[in-house]
């Protein structure tokens, strides 16, 4: 007795790449969690140290700009999402220049690591 399985390529594509599907739901939820964590982890400058001649906005402006990016598609048509922040999130993923001290600068990496660890 042989079993036969027929796969519907269009249905599989929709399952994996639709924002309304189960995969899209998980991707959206993880993006929101990463944005929430990044808002908690971002360093906020003390107002007394802030100088409008050198900083691009008042203390807290970076934290206020953090948000889930919403759904996008890559060149292969695959669904993804992420977290946006002023000046681009990649600035906050890597070690900063040596004149900037402290690991808190990499708050986006830390938020993504926590979301990954939580599953």
PDB file of N, CA and C in Angstrom:
ATOM      1  N   UNK A   1       0.846  -1.163   0.000  1.00  0.00           N
ATOM      2  CA  UNK A   1       0.000   0.000   0.000  1.00  0.00           C
ATOM      3  C   UNK A   1       0.897   1.234   0.000  1.00  0.00           C
ATOM      4  N   UNK A   2       0.800   2.018  -1.019  1.00  0.00           N
ATOM      5  CA  UNK A   2       1.631   3.228  -1.172  1.00  0.00           C
ATOM      6  C   UNK A   2       0.805   4.460  -0.827  1.00  0.00           C
ATOM      7  N   UNK A   3       1.420   5.336  -0.086  1.00  0.00           N
ATOM      8  CA  UNK A   3       0.781   6.610   0.241  1.00  0.00           C
ATOM      9  C   UNK A   3       1.280   7.676  -0.721  1.00  0.00           C
ATOM     10  N   UNK A   4       0.426   8.599  -1.023  1.00  0.00           N
ATOM     11  CA  UNK A   4       0.771   9.669  -1.941  1.00  0.00           C
ATOM     12  C   UNK A   4       0.541  11.017  -1.251  1.00  0.00           C
ATOM     13  N   UNK A   5       1.487  11.881  -1.418  1.00  0.00           N
ATOM     14  CA  UNK A   5       1.373  13.228  -0.847  1.00  0.00           C
ATOM     15  C   UNK A   5       1.520  14.223  -1.976  1.00  0.00           C
ATOM     16  N   UNK A   6       0.601  15.141  -2.045  1.00  0.00           N
ATOM     17  CA  UNK A   6       0.668  16.185  -3.056  1.00  0.00           C
ATOM     18  C   UNK A   6       0.851  17.522  -2.343  1.00  0.00           C
ATOM     19  N   UNK A   7       1.919  18.231  -2.663  1.00  0.00           N
ATOM     20  CA  UNK A   7       2.204  19.524  -2.056  1.00  0.00           C
ATOM     21  C   UNK A   7       1.721  20.648  -2.953  1.00  0.00           C
ATOM     22  N   UNK A   8       1.075  21.600  -2.360  1.00  0.00           N
ATOM     23  CA  UNK A   8       0.604  22.775  -3.090  1.00  0.00           C
ATOM     24  C   UNK A   8       1.637  23.887  -2.889  1.00  0.00           C
ATOM     25  N   UNK A   9       2.456  24.123  -3.903  1.00  0.00           N
ATOM     26  CA  UNK A   9       3.558  25.092  -3.801  1.00  0.00           C
ATOM     27  C   UNK A   9       3.042  26.491  -3.457  1.00  0.00           C
ATOM     28  N   UNK A  10       1.921  26.891  -4.029  1.00  0.00           N
ATOM     29  CA  UNK A  10       1.376  28.223  -3.764  1.00  0.00           C
ATOM     30  C   UNK A  10       0.928  28.343  -2.304  1.00  0.00           C
ATOM     31  N   UNK A  11       0.321  27.275  -1.769  1.00  0.00           N
ATOM     32  CA  UNK A  11      -0.127  27.304  -0.374  1.00  0.00           C
ATOM     33  C   UNK A  11       1.061  27.340   0.581  1.00  0.00           C
ATOM     34  N   UNK A  12       2.119  26.607   0.265  1.00  0.00           N
ATOM     35  CA  UNK A  12       3.324  26.616   1.098  1.00  0.00           C
ATOM     36  C   UNK A  12       3.975  27.997   1.070  1.00  0.00           C
ATOM     37  N   UNK A  13       4.059  28.572  -0.109  1.00  0.00           N
ATOM     38  CA  UNK A  13       4.623  29.921  -0.256  1.00  0.00           C
ATOM     39  C   UNK A  13       3.833  30.931   0.571  1.00  0.00           C
ATOM     40  N   UNK A  14       2.523  30.826   0.526  1.00  0.00           N
ATOM     41  CA  UNK A  14       1.663  31.726   1.293  1.00  0.00           C
ATOM     42  C   UNK A  14       1.830  31.488   2.793  1.00  0.00           C
ATOM     43  N   UNK A  15       1.941  30.239   3.208  1.00  0.00           N
ATOM     44  CA  UNK A  15       2.130  29.892   4.612  1.00  0.00           C
ATOM     45  C   UNK A  15       3.412  30.513   5.162  1.00  0.00           C
ATOM     46  N   UNK A  16       4.480  30.455   4.373  1.00  0.00           N
ATOM     47  CA  UNK A  16       5.784  30.932   4.834  1.00  0.00           C
ATOM     48  C   UNK A  16       5.990  32.433   4.685  1.00  0.00           C
ATOM     49  N   UNK A  17       5.292  33.058   3.735  1.00  0.00           N
ATOM     50  CA  UNK A  17       5.612  34.450   3.401  1.00  0.00           C
ATOM     51  C   UNK A  17       4.453  35.427   3.500  1.00  0.00           C
ATOM     52  N   UNK A  18       3.375  35.024   4.123  1.00  0.00           N
ATOM     53  CA  UNK A  18       2.248  35.943   4.313  1.00  0.00           C
ATOM     54  C   UNK A  18       2.315  36.566   5.707  1.00  0.00           C
ATOM     55  N   UNK A  19       2.208  37.882   5.806  1.00  0.00           N
ATOM     56  CA  UNK A  19       2.186  38.519   7.135  1.00  0.00           C
ATOM     57  C   UNK A  19       1.015  38.041   7.991  1.00  0.00           C
ATOM     58  N   UNK A  20      -0.054  37.557   7.352  1.00  0.00           N
ATOM     59  CA  UNK A  20      -1.237  37.098   8.084  1.00  0.00           C
ATOM     60  C   UNK A  20      -1.145  35.632   8.499  1.00  0.00           C
ATOM     61  N   UNK A  21      -0.140  34.915   7.996  1.00  0.00           N
ATOM     62  CA  UNK A  21       0.003  33.501   8.308  1.00  0.00           C
ATOM     63  C   UNK A  21       0.715  33.275   9.631  1.00  0.00           C
ATOM     64  N   UNK A  22       0.879  32.015  10.003  1.00  0.00           N
ATOM     65  CA  UNK A  22       1.521  31.705  11.287  1.00  0.00           C
ATOM     66  C   UNK A  22       2.986  32.144  11.351  1.00  0.00           C
ATOM     67  N   UNK A  23       3.710  32.024  10.264  1.00  0.00           N
ATOM     68  CA  UNK A  23       5.108  32.461  10.244  1.00  0.00           C
ATOM     69  C   UNK A  23       5.176  33.983  10.365  1.00  0.00           C
ATOM     70  N   UNK A  24       4.327  34.677   9.640  1.00  0.00           N
ATOM     71  CA  UNK A  24       4.264  36.141   9.743  1.00  0.00           C
ATOM     72  C   UNK A  24       3.911  36.587  11.147  1.00  0.00           C
ATOM     73  N   UNK A  25       3.016  35.845  11.805  1.00  0.00           N
ATOM     74  CA  UNK A  25       2.650  36.171  13.183  1.00  0.00           C
ATOM     75  C   UNK A  25       3.838  36.075  14.128  1.00  0.00           C
ATOM     76  N   UNK A  26       4.638  35.025  13.968  1.00  0.00           N
ATOM     77  CA  UNK A  26       5.819  34.845  14.818  1.00  0.00           C
ATOM     78  C   UNK A  26       6.856  35.928  14.515  1.00  0.00           C
ATOM     79  N   UNK A  27       7.081  36.200  13.244  1.00  0.00           N
ATOM     80  CA  UNK A  27       8.058  37.229  12.860  1.00  0.00           C
ATOM     81  C   UNK A  27       7.638  38.591  13.419  1.00  0.00           C
ATOM     82  N   UNK A  28       6.374  38.928  13.284  1.00  0.00           N
ATOM     83  CA  UNK A  28       5.882  40.201  13.811  1.00  0.00           C
ATOM     84  C   UNK A  28       6.010  40.285  15.326  1.00  0.00           C
ATOM     85  N   UNK A  29       5.689  39.192  16.012  1.00  0.00           N
ATOM     86  CA  UNK A  29       5.790  39.159  17.474  1.00  0.00           C
ATOM     87  C   UNK A  29       7.241  39.315  17.925  1.00  0.00           C
ATOM     88  N   UNK A  30       8.165  38.641  17.259  1.00  0.00           N
ATOM     89  CA  UNK A  30       9.576  38.751  17.615  1.00  0.00           C
ATOM     90  C   UNK A  30      10.106  40.163  17.355  1.00  0.00           C
ATOM     91  N   UNK A  31       9.666  40.796  16.287  1.00  0.00           N
ATOM     92  CA  UNK A  31      10.082  42.172  16.007  1.00  0.00           C
ATOM     93  C   UNK A  31       9.601  43.127  17.086  1.00  0.00           C
ATOM     94  N   UNK A  32       8.366  42.958  17.520  1.00  0.00           N
ATOM     95  CA  UNK A  32       7.831  43.804  18.594  1.00  0.00           C
ATOM     96  C   UNK A  32       8.589  43.587  19.894  1.00  0.00           C
ATOM     97  N   UNK A  33       8.904  42.319  20.221  1.00  0.00           N
ATOM     98  CA  UNK A  33       9.666  42.029  21.437  1.00  0.00           C
ATOM     99  C   UNK A  33      11.052  42.657  21.362  1.00  0.00           C
ATOM    100  N   UNK A  34      11.711  42.529  20.202  1.00  0.00           N
ATOM    101  CA  UNK A  34      13.046  43.112  20.047  1.00  0.00           C
ATOM    102  C   UNK A  34      12.993  44.632  20.189  1.00  0.00           C
ATOM    103  N   UNK A  35      11.965  45.267  19.648  1.00  0.00           N
ATOM    104  CA  UNK A  35      11.823  46.727  19.777  1.00  0.00           C
ATOM    105  C   UNK A  35      11.599  47.118  21.235  1.00  0.00           C
ATOM    106  N   UNK A  36      10.761  46.373  21.933  1.00  0.00           N
ATOM    107  CA  UNK A  36      10.505  46.671  23.349  1.00  0.00           C
ATOM    108  C   UNK A  36      11.777  46.525  24.181  1.00  0.00           C
ATOM    109  N   UNK A  37      12.533  45.458  23.920  1.00  0.00           N
ATOM    110  CA  UNK A  37      13.785  45.250  24.652  1.00  0.00           C
ATOM    111  C   UNK A  37      14.808  46.330  24.330  1.00  0.00           C
ATOM    112  N   UNK A  38      14.898  46.715  23.061  1.00  0.00           N
ATOM    113  CA  UNK A  38      15.850  47.763  22.672  1.00  0.00           C
ATOM    114  C   UNK A  38      15.526  49.072  23.385  1.00  0.00           C
ATOM    115  N   UNK A  39      14.229  49.382  23.541  1.00  0.00           N
ATOM    116  CA  UNK A  39      13.833  50.601  24.258  1.00  0.00           C
ATOM    117  C   UNK A  39      14.270  50.559  25.716  1.00  0.00           C
ATOM    118  N   UNK A  40      14.264  49.367  26.304  1.00  0.00           N
ATOM    119  CA  UNK A  40      14.704  49.219  27.693  1.00  0.00           C
ATOM    120  C   UNK A  40      16.226  49.319  27.792  1.00  0.00           C
ATOM    121  N   UNK A  41      16.931  48.755  26.821  1.00  0.00           N
ATOM    122  CA  UNK A  41      18.383  48.655  26.879  1.00  0.00           C
ATOM    123  C   UNK A  41      19.127  49.897  26.390  1.00  0.00           C
ATOM    124  N   UNK A  42      18.485  50.735  25.618  1.00  0.00           N
ATOM    125  CA  UNK A  42      19.174  51.887  25.038  1.00  0.00           C
ATOM    126  C   UNK A  42      19.642  52.843  26.145  1.00  0.00           C
ATOM    127  N   UNK A  43      20.890  53.278  26.065  1.00  0.00           N
ATOM    128  CA  UNK A  43      21.345  54.249  27.067  1.00  0.00           C
ATOM    129  C   UNK A  43      20.725  55.623  26.794  1.00  0.00           C
ATOM    130  N   UNK A  44      20.367  56.319  27.844  1.00  0.00           N
ATOM    131  CA  UNK A  44      19.820  57.671  27.713  1.00  0.00           C
ATOM    132  C   UNK A  44      20.778  58.616  28.421  1.00  0.00           C
ATOM    133  N   UNK A  45      21.229  59.613  27.694  1.00  0.00           N
ATOM    134  CA  UNK A  45      22.198  60.563  28.227  1.00  0.00           C
ATOM    135  C   UNK A  45      21.571  61.426  29.317  1.00  0.00           C
ATOM    136  N   UNK A  46      22.349  61.706  30.322  1.00  0.00           N
ATOM    137  CA  UNK A  46      21.939  62.618  31.385  1.00  0.00           C
ATOM    138  C   UNK A  46      21.756  64.017  30.779  1.00  0.00           C
ATOM    139  N   UNK A  47      20.674  64.662  31.087  1.00  0.00           N
ATOM    140  CA  UNK A  47      20.373  65.975  30.490  1.00  0.00           C
ATOM    141  C   UNK A  47      21.486  66.993  30.770  1.00  0.00           C
ATOM    142  N   UNK A  48      22.151  66.907  31.904  1.00  0.00           N
ATOM    143  CA  UNK A  48      23.218  67.861  32.214  1.00  0.00           C
ATOM    144  C   UNK A  48      24.409  67.709  31.275  1.00  0.00           C
ATOM    145  N   UNK A  49      24.596  66.520  30.713  1.00  0.00           N
ATOM    146  CA  UNK A  49      25.716  66.296  29.793  1.00  0.00           C
ATOM    147  C   UNK A  49      25.358  66.637  28.351  1.00  0.00           C
ATOM    148  N   UNK A  50      24.082  66.828  28.081  1.00  0.00           N
ATOM    149  CA  UNK A  50      23.631  67.045  26.708  1.00  0.00           C
ATOM    150  C   UNK A  50      24.008  68.435  26.217  1.00  0.00           C
ATOM    151  N   UNK A  51      24.513  68.487  25.008  1.00  0.00           N
ATOM    152  CA  UNK A  51      24.889  69.752  24.386  1.00  0.00           C
ATOM    153  C   UNK A  51      24.298  69.767  22.976  1.00  0.00           C
ATOM    154  N   UNK A  52      23.395  70.688  22.671  1.00  0.00           N
ATOM    155  CA  UNK A  52      22.759  70.691  21.353  1.00  0.00           C
ATOM    156  C   UNK A  52      23.736  70.916  20.201  1.00  0.00           C
ATOM    157  N   UNK A  53      24.936  71.374  20.495  1.00  0.00           N
ATOM    158  CA  UNK A  53      25.923  71.558  19.431  1.00  0.00           C
ATOM    159  C   UNK A  53      26.540  70.237  18.985  1.00  0.00           C
ATOM    160  N   UNK A  54      26.491  69.213  19.854  1.00  0.00           N
ATOM    161  CA  UNK A  54      27.172  67.951  19.556  1.00  0.00           C
ATOM    162  C   UNK A  54      26.237  66.755  19.407  1.00  0.00           C
ATOM    163  N   UNK A  55      25.071  66.796  19.987  1.00  0.00           N
ATOM    164  CA  UNK A  55      24.142  65.676  19.889  1.00  0.00           C
ATOM    165  C   UNK A  55      22.995  66.036  18.953  1.00  0.00           C
ATOM    166  N   UNK A  56      22.431  64.999  18.315  1.00  0.00           N
ATOM    167  CA  UNK A  56      21.399  65.252  17.309  1.00  0.00           C
ATOM    168  C   UNK A  56      20.018  65.457  17.892  1.00  0.00           C
ATOM    169  N   UNK A  57      19.842  65.246  19.175  1.00  0.00           N
ATOM    170  CA  UNK A  57      18.538  65.465  19.783  1.00  0.00           C
ATOM    171  C   UNK A  57      18.642  65.395  21.285  1.00  0.00           C
ATOM    172  N   UNK A  58      17.596  65.760  21.990  1.00  0.00           N
ATOM    173  CA  UNK A  58      17.635  65.747  23.448  1.00  0.00           C
ATOM    174  C   UNK A  58      17.706  64.319  23.987  1.00  0.00           C
ATOM    175  N   UNK A  59      18.070  64.167  25.249  1.00  0.00           N
ATOM    176  CA  UNK A  59      18.121  62.831  25.845  1.00  0.00           C
ATOM    177  C   UNK A  59      16.799  62.087  25.654  1.00  0.00           C
ATOM    178  N   UNK A  60      16.905  60.838  25.245  1.00  0.00           N
ATOM    179  CA  UNK A  60      15.719  60.017  25.020  1.00  0.00           C
ATOM    180  C   UNK A  60      15.246  59.975  23.583  1.00  0.00           C
ATOM    181  N   UNK A  61      15.839  60.766  22.700  1.00  0.00           N
ATOM    182  CA  UNK A  61      15.362  60.804  21.317  1.00  0.00           C
ATOM    183  C   UNK A  61      15.632  59.475  20.595  1.00  0.00           C
ATOM    184  N   UNK A  62      16.745  58.821  20.916  1.00  0.00           N
ATOM    185  CA  UNK A  62      17.020  57.523  20.293  1.00  0.00           C
ATOM    186  C   UNK A  62      16.007  56.491  20.769  1.00  0.00           C
ATOM    187  N   UNK A  63      15.754  56.450  22.068  1.00  0.00           N
ATOM    188  CA  UNK A  63      14.775  55.500  22.613  1.00  0.00           C
ATOM    189  C   UNK A  63      13.389  55.738  22.002  1.00  0.00           C
ATOM    190  N   UNK A  64      13.014  56.985  21.834  1.00  0.00           N
ATOM    191  CA  UNK A  64      11.702  57.304  21.272  1.00  0.00           C
ATOM    192  C   UNK A  64      11.591  56.904  19.803  1.00  0.00           C
ATOM    193  N   UNK A  65      12.724  56.775  19.118  1.00  0.00           N
ATOM    194  CA  UNK A  65      12.672  56.450  17.686  1.00  0.00           C
ATOM    195  C   UNK A  65      12.644  54.950  17.414  1.00  0.00           C
ATOM    196  N   UNK A  66      12.824  54.110  18.426  1.00  0.00           N
ATOM    197  CA  UNK A  66      12.866  52.656  18.236  1.00  0.00           C
ATOM    198  C   UNK A  66      11.461  52.132  17.972  1.00  0.00           C
ATOM    199  N   UNK A  67      11.341  51.326  16.905  1.00  0.00           N
ATOM    200  CA  UNK A  67      10.045  50.733  16.552  1.00  0.00           C
ATOM    201  C   UNK A  67      10.268  49.519  15.658  1.00  0.00           C
ATOM    202  N   UNK A  68       9.317  48.624  15.672  1.00  0.00           N
ATOM    203  CA  UNK A  68       9.361  47.483  14.759  1.00  0.00           C
ATOM    204  C   UNK A  68       9.231  48.018  13.336  1.00  0.00           C
ATOM    205  N   UNK A  69       9.972  47.440  12.420  1.00  0.00           N
ATOM    206  CA  UNK A  69      10.023  47.982  11.060  1.00  0.00           C
ATOM    207  C   UNK A  69       8.810  47.635  10.213  1.00  0.00           C
ATOM    208  N   UNK A  70       8.052  46.649  10.625  1.00  0.00           N
ATOM    209  CA  UNK A  70       6.961  46.181   9.780  1.00  0.00           C
ATOM    210  C   UNK A  70       7.498  45.149   8.791  1.00  0.00           C
ATOM    211  N   UNK A  71       6.618  44.550   8.049  1.00  0.00           N
ATOM    212  CA  UNK A  71       7.018  43.465   7.156  1.00  0.00           C
ATOM    213  C   UNK A  71       7.622  43.993   5.867  1.00  0.00           C
ATOM    214  N   UNK A  72       8.635  43.281   5.414  1.00  0.00           N
ATOM    215  CA  UNK A  72       9.300  43.573   4.149  1.00  0.00           C
ATOM    216  C   UNK A  72       9.563  42.242   3.452  1.00  0.00           C
ATOM    217  N   UNK A  73       9.940  42.321   2.191  1.00  0.00           N
ATOM    218  CA  UNK A  73      10.309  41.129   1.428  1.00  0.00           C
ATOM    219  C   UNK A  73      11.690  41.336   0.832  1.00  0.00           C
ATOM    220  N   UNK A  74      12.519  40.287   0.886  1.00  0.00           N
ATOM    221  CA  UNK A  74      13.836  40.379   0.262  1.00  0.00           C
ATOM    222  C   UNK A  74      13.721  40.090  -1.234  1.00  0.00           C
ATOM    223  N   UNK A  75      14.835  40.057  -1.930  1.00  0.00           N
ATOM    224  CA  UNK A  75      14.820  39.857  -3.388  1.00  0.00           C
ATOM    225  C   UNK A  75      14.247  38.511  -3.791  1.00  0.00           C
ATOM    226  N   UNK A  76      14.298  37.539  -2.892  1.00  0.00           N
ATOM    227  CA  UNK A  76      13.761  36.211  -3.177  1.00  0.00           C
ATOM    228  C   UNK A  76      12.277  36.103  -2.831  1.00  0.00           C
ATOM    229  N   UNK A  77      11.701  37.196  -2.344  1.00  0.00           N
ATOM    230  CA  UNK A  77      10.291  37.192  -1.979  1.00  0.00           C
ATOM    231  C   UNK A  77      10.011  36.633  -0.597  1.00  0.00           C
ATOM    232  N   UNK A  78      11.054  36.508   0.228  1.00  0.00           N
ATOM    233  CA  UNK A  78      10.890  35.962   1.571  1.00  0.00           C
ATOM    234  C   UNK A  78      10.565  37.079   2.563  1.00  0.00           C
ATOM    235  N   UNK A  79       9.644  36.784   3.446  1.00  0.00           N
ATOM    236  CA  UNK A  79       9.155  37.742   4.432  1.00  0.00           C
ATOM    237  C   UNK A  79      10.165  37.928   5.561  1.00  0.00           C
ATOM    238  N   UNK A  80      10.347  39.165   5.989  1.00  0.00           N
ATOM    239  CA  UNK A  80      11.168  39.449   7.161  1.00  0.00           C
ATOM    240  C   UNK A  80      10.685  40.738   7.809  1.00  0.00           C
ATOM    241  N   UNK A  81      11.143  40.966   9.010  1.00  0.00           N
ATOM    242  CA  UNK A  81      10.857  42.191   9.730  1.00  0.00           C
ATOM    243  C   UNK A  81      12.052  42.477  10.616  1.00  0.00           C
ATOM    244  N   UNK A  82      12.027  43.587  11.302  1.00  0.00           N
ATOM    245  CA  UNK A  82      13.150  43.940  12.158  1.00  0.00           C
ATOM    246  C   UNK A  82      12.794  45.105  13.048  1.00  0.00           C
ATOM    247  N   UNK A  83      13.827  45.846  13.446  1.00  0.00           N
ATOM    248  CA  UNK A  83      13.654  46.987  14.338  1.00  0.00           C
ATOM    249  C   UNK A  83      14.366  48.185  13.718  1.00  0.00           C
ATOM    250  N   UNK A  84      13.713  49.317  13.699  1.00  0.00           N
ATOM    251  CA  UNK A  84      14.305  50.557  13.187  1.00  0.00           C
ATOM    252  C   UNK A  84      14.603  51.505  14.344  1.00  0.00           C
ATOM    253  N   UNK A  85      15.624  52.313  14.122  1.00  0.00           N
ATOM    254  CA  UNK A  85      16.010  53.339  15.083  1.00  0.00           C
ATOM    255  C   UNK A  85      16.695  54.450  14.290  1.00  0.00           C
ATOM    256  N   UNK A  86      16.663  55.679  14.781  1.00  0.00           N
ATOM    257  CA  UNK A  86      17.341  56.770  14.075  1.00  0.00           C
ATOM    258  C   UNK A  86      18.779  56.392  13.752  1.00  0.00           C
ATOM    259  N   UNK A  87      19.244  56.810  12.613  1.00  0.00           N
ATOM    260  CA  UNK A  87      20.585  56.527  12.118  1.00  0.00           C
ATOM    261  C   UNK A  87      20.790  55.076  11.752  1.00  0.00           C
ATOM    262  N   UNK A  88      19.743  54.274  11.719  1.00  0.00           N
ATOM    263  CA  UNK A  88      19.851  52.887  11.292  1.00  0.00           C
ATOM    264  C   UNK A  88      20.294  51.958  12.404  1.00  0.00           C
ATOM    265  N   UNK A  89      19.638  50.809  12.516  1.00  0.00           N
ATOM    266  CA  UNK A  89      19.945  49.895  13.605  1.00  0.00           C
ATOM    267  C   UNK A  89      21.336  49.287  13.525  1.00  0.00           C
ATOM    268  N   UNK A  90      21.920  49.185  12.337  1.00  0.00           N
ATOM    269  CA  UNK A  90      23.236  48.564  12.235  1.00  0.00           C
ATOM    270  C   UNK A  90      24.299  49.359  12.975  1.00  0.00           C
ATOM    271  N   UNK A  91      24.100  50.655  13.144  1.00  0.00           N
ATOM    272  CA  UNK A  91      25.031  51.479  13.911  1.00  0.00           C
ATOM    273  C   UNK A  91      25.138  50.971  15.347  1.00  0.00           C
ATOM    274  N   UNK A  92      24.048  50.409  15.866  1.00  0.00           N
ATOM    275  CA  UNK A  92      23.999  49.981  17.259  1.00  0.00           C
ATOM    276  C   UNK A  92      24.170  48.469  17.416  1.00  0.00           C
ATOM    277  N   UNK A  93      24.591  47.782  16.353  1.00  0.00           N
ATOM    278  CA  UNK A  93      24.811  46.342  16.414  1.00  0.00           C
ATOM    279  C   UNK A  93      26.260  45.977  16.671  1.00  0.00           C
ATOM    280  N   UNK A  94      27.179  46.834  16.293  1.00  0.00           N
ATOM    281  CA  UNK A  94      28.594  46.505  16.355  1.00  0.00           C
ATOM    282  C   UNK A  94      29.294  47.331  17.418  1.00  0.00           C
ATOM    283  N   UNK A  95      30.492  46.891  17.745  1.00  0.00           N
ATOM    284  CA  UNK A  95      31.295  47.648  18.712  1.00  0.00           C
ATOM    285  C   UNK A  95      31.548  49.049  18.177  1.00  0.00           C
ATOM    286  N   UNK A  96      31.407  50.046  19.025  1.00  0.00           N
ATOM    287  CA  UNK A  96      31.631  51.425  18.583  1.00  0.00           C
ATOM    288  C   UNK A  96      33.114  51.742  18.477  1.00  0.00           C
ATOM    289  N   UNK A  97      33.403  52.906  18.000  1.00  0.00           N
ATOM    290  CA  UNK A  97      34.784  53.387  17.952  1.00  0.00           C
ATOM    291  C   UNK A  97      35.343  53.415  19.370  1.00  0.00           C
ATOM    292  N   UNK A  98      36.649  53.330  19.509  1.00  0.00           N
ATOM    293  CA  UNK A  98      37.252  53.183  20.839  1.00  0.00           C
ATOM    294  C   UNK A  98      37.004  54.380  21.760  1.00  0.00           C
ATOM    295  N   UNK A  99      36.664  55.532  21.215  1.00  0.00           N
ATOM    296  CA  UNK A  99      36.414  56.678  22.097  1.00  0.00           C
ATOM    297  C   UNK A  99      35.051  56.592  22.794  1.00  0.00           C
ATOM    298  N   UNK A 100      34.190  55.709  22.335  1.00  0.00           N
ATOM    299  CA  UNK A 100      32.897  55.510  22.982  1.00  0.00           C
ATOM    300  C   UNK A 100      33.040  54.309  23.904  1.00  0.00           C
ATOM    301  N   UNK A 101      32.893  54.528  25.186  1.00  0.00           N
ATOM    302  CA  UNK A 101      33.131  53.474  26.162  1.00  0.00           C
ATOM    303  C   UNK A 101      31.831  52.815  26.576  1.00  0.00           C
ATOM    304  N   UNK A 102      31.889  51.527  26.796  1.00  0.00           N
ATOM    305  CA  UNK A 102      30.764  50.808  27.374  1.00  0.00           C
ATOM    306  C   UNK A 102      30.013  49.951  26.383  1.00  0.00           C
ATOM    307  N   UNK A 103      29.583  48.766  26.836  1.00  0.00           N
ATOM    308  CA  UNK A 103      28.837  47.843  25.983  1.00  0.00           C
ATOM    309  C   UNK A 103      27.398  48.280  25.738  1.00  0.00           C
ATOM    310  N   UNK A 104      26.892  49.271  26.508  1.00  0.00           N
ATOM    311  CA  UNK A 104      25.500  49.689  26.337  1.00  0.00           C
ATOM    312  C   UNK A 104      25.242  50.277  24.945  1.00  0.00           C
ATOM    313  N   UNK A 105      26.289  50.652  24.236  1.00  0.00           N
ATOM    314  CA  UNK A 105      26.126  51.199  22.891  1.00  0.00           C
ATOM    315  C   UNK A 105      25.529  50.162  21.942  1.00  0.00           C
ATOM    316  N   UNK A 106      25.807  48.883  22.200  1.00  0.00           N
ATOM    317  CA  UNK A 106      25.326  47.816  21.322  1.00  0.00           C
ATOM    318  C   UNK A 106      23.966  47.286  21.791  1.00  0.00           C
ATOM    319  N   UNK A 107      23.052  48.168  22.156  1.00  0.00           N
ATOM    320  CA  UNK A 107      21.773  47.745  22.707  1.00  0.00           C
ATOM    321  C   UNK A 107      20.933  46.946  21.718  1.00  0.00           C
ATOM    322  N   UNK A 108      21.081  47.184  20.426  1.00  0.00           N
ATOM    323  CA  UNK A 108      20.307  46.426  19.447  1.00  0.00           C
ATOM    324  C   UNK A 108      20.760  44.962  19.426  1.00  0.00           C
ATOM    325  N   UNK A 109      22.065  44.725  19.474  1.00  0.00           N
ATOM    326  CA  UNK A 109      22.573  43.347  19.514  1.00  0.00           C
ATOM    327  C   UNK A 109      22.069  42.635  20.766  1.00  0.00           C
ATOM    328  N   UNK A 110      22.124  43.316  21.889  1.00  0.00           N
ATOM    329  CA  UNK A 110      21.669  42.714  23.133  1.00  0.00           C
ATOM    330  C   UNK A 110      20.174  42.380  23.066  1.00  0.00           C
ATOM    331  N   UNK A 111      19.366  43.259  22.495  1.00  0.00           N
ATOM    332  CA  UNK A 111      17.929  42.990  22.358  1.00  0.00           C
ATOM    333  C   UNK A 111      17.691  41.778  21.463  1.00  0.00           C
ATOM    334  N   UNK A 112      18.407  41.692  20.351  1.00  0.00           N
ATOM    335  CA  UNK A 112      18.247  40.540  19.451  1.00  0.00           C
ATOM    336  C   UNK A 112      18.713  39.249  20.105  1.00  0.00           C
ATOM    337  N   UNK A 113      19.807  39.312  20.877  1.00  0.00           N
ATOM    338  CA  UNK A 113      20.295  38.128  21.587  1.00  0.00           C
ATOM    339  C   UNK A 113      19.269  37.638  22.599  1.00  0.00           C
ATOM    340  N   UNK A 114      18.645  38.541  23.320  1.00  0.00           N
ATOM    341  CA  UNK A 114      17.639  38.154  24.319  1.00  0.00           C
ATOM    342  C   UNK A 114      16.427  37.529  23.644  1.00  0.00           C
ATOM    343  N   UNK A 115      15.952  38.129  22.566  1.00  0.00           N
ATOM    344  CA  UNK A 115      14.794  37.582  21.848  1.00  0.00           C
ATOM    345  C   UNK A 115      15.119  36.193  21.322  1.00  0.00           C
ATOM    346  N   UNK A 116      16.339  36.017  20.807  1.00  0.00           N
ATOM    347  CA  UNK A 116      16.758  34.706  20.303  1.00  0.00           C
ATOM    348  C   UNK A 116      16.803  33.683  21.427  1.00  0.00           C
ATOM    349  N   UNK A 117      17.325  34.076  22.571  1.00  0.00           N
ATOM    350  CA  UNK A 117      17.433  33.163  23.703  1.00  0.00           C
ATOM    351  C   UNK A 117      16.057  32.763  24.249  1.00  0.00           C
ATOM    352  N   UNK A 118      15.122  33.707  24.220  1.00  0.00           N
ATOM    353  CA  UNK A 118      13.776  33.418  24.731  1.00  0.00           C
ATOM    354  C   UNK A 118      12.987  32.525  23.783  1.00  0.00           C
ATOM    355  N   UNK A 119      13.390  32.571  22.495  1.00  0.00           N
ATOM    356  CA  UNK A 119      12.707  31.739  21.499  1.00  0.00           C
ATOM    357  C   UNK A 119      11.464  32.364  21.078  1.00  0.00           C
TER     358      UNK A 119
END
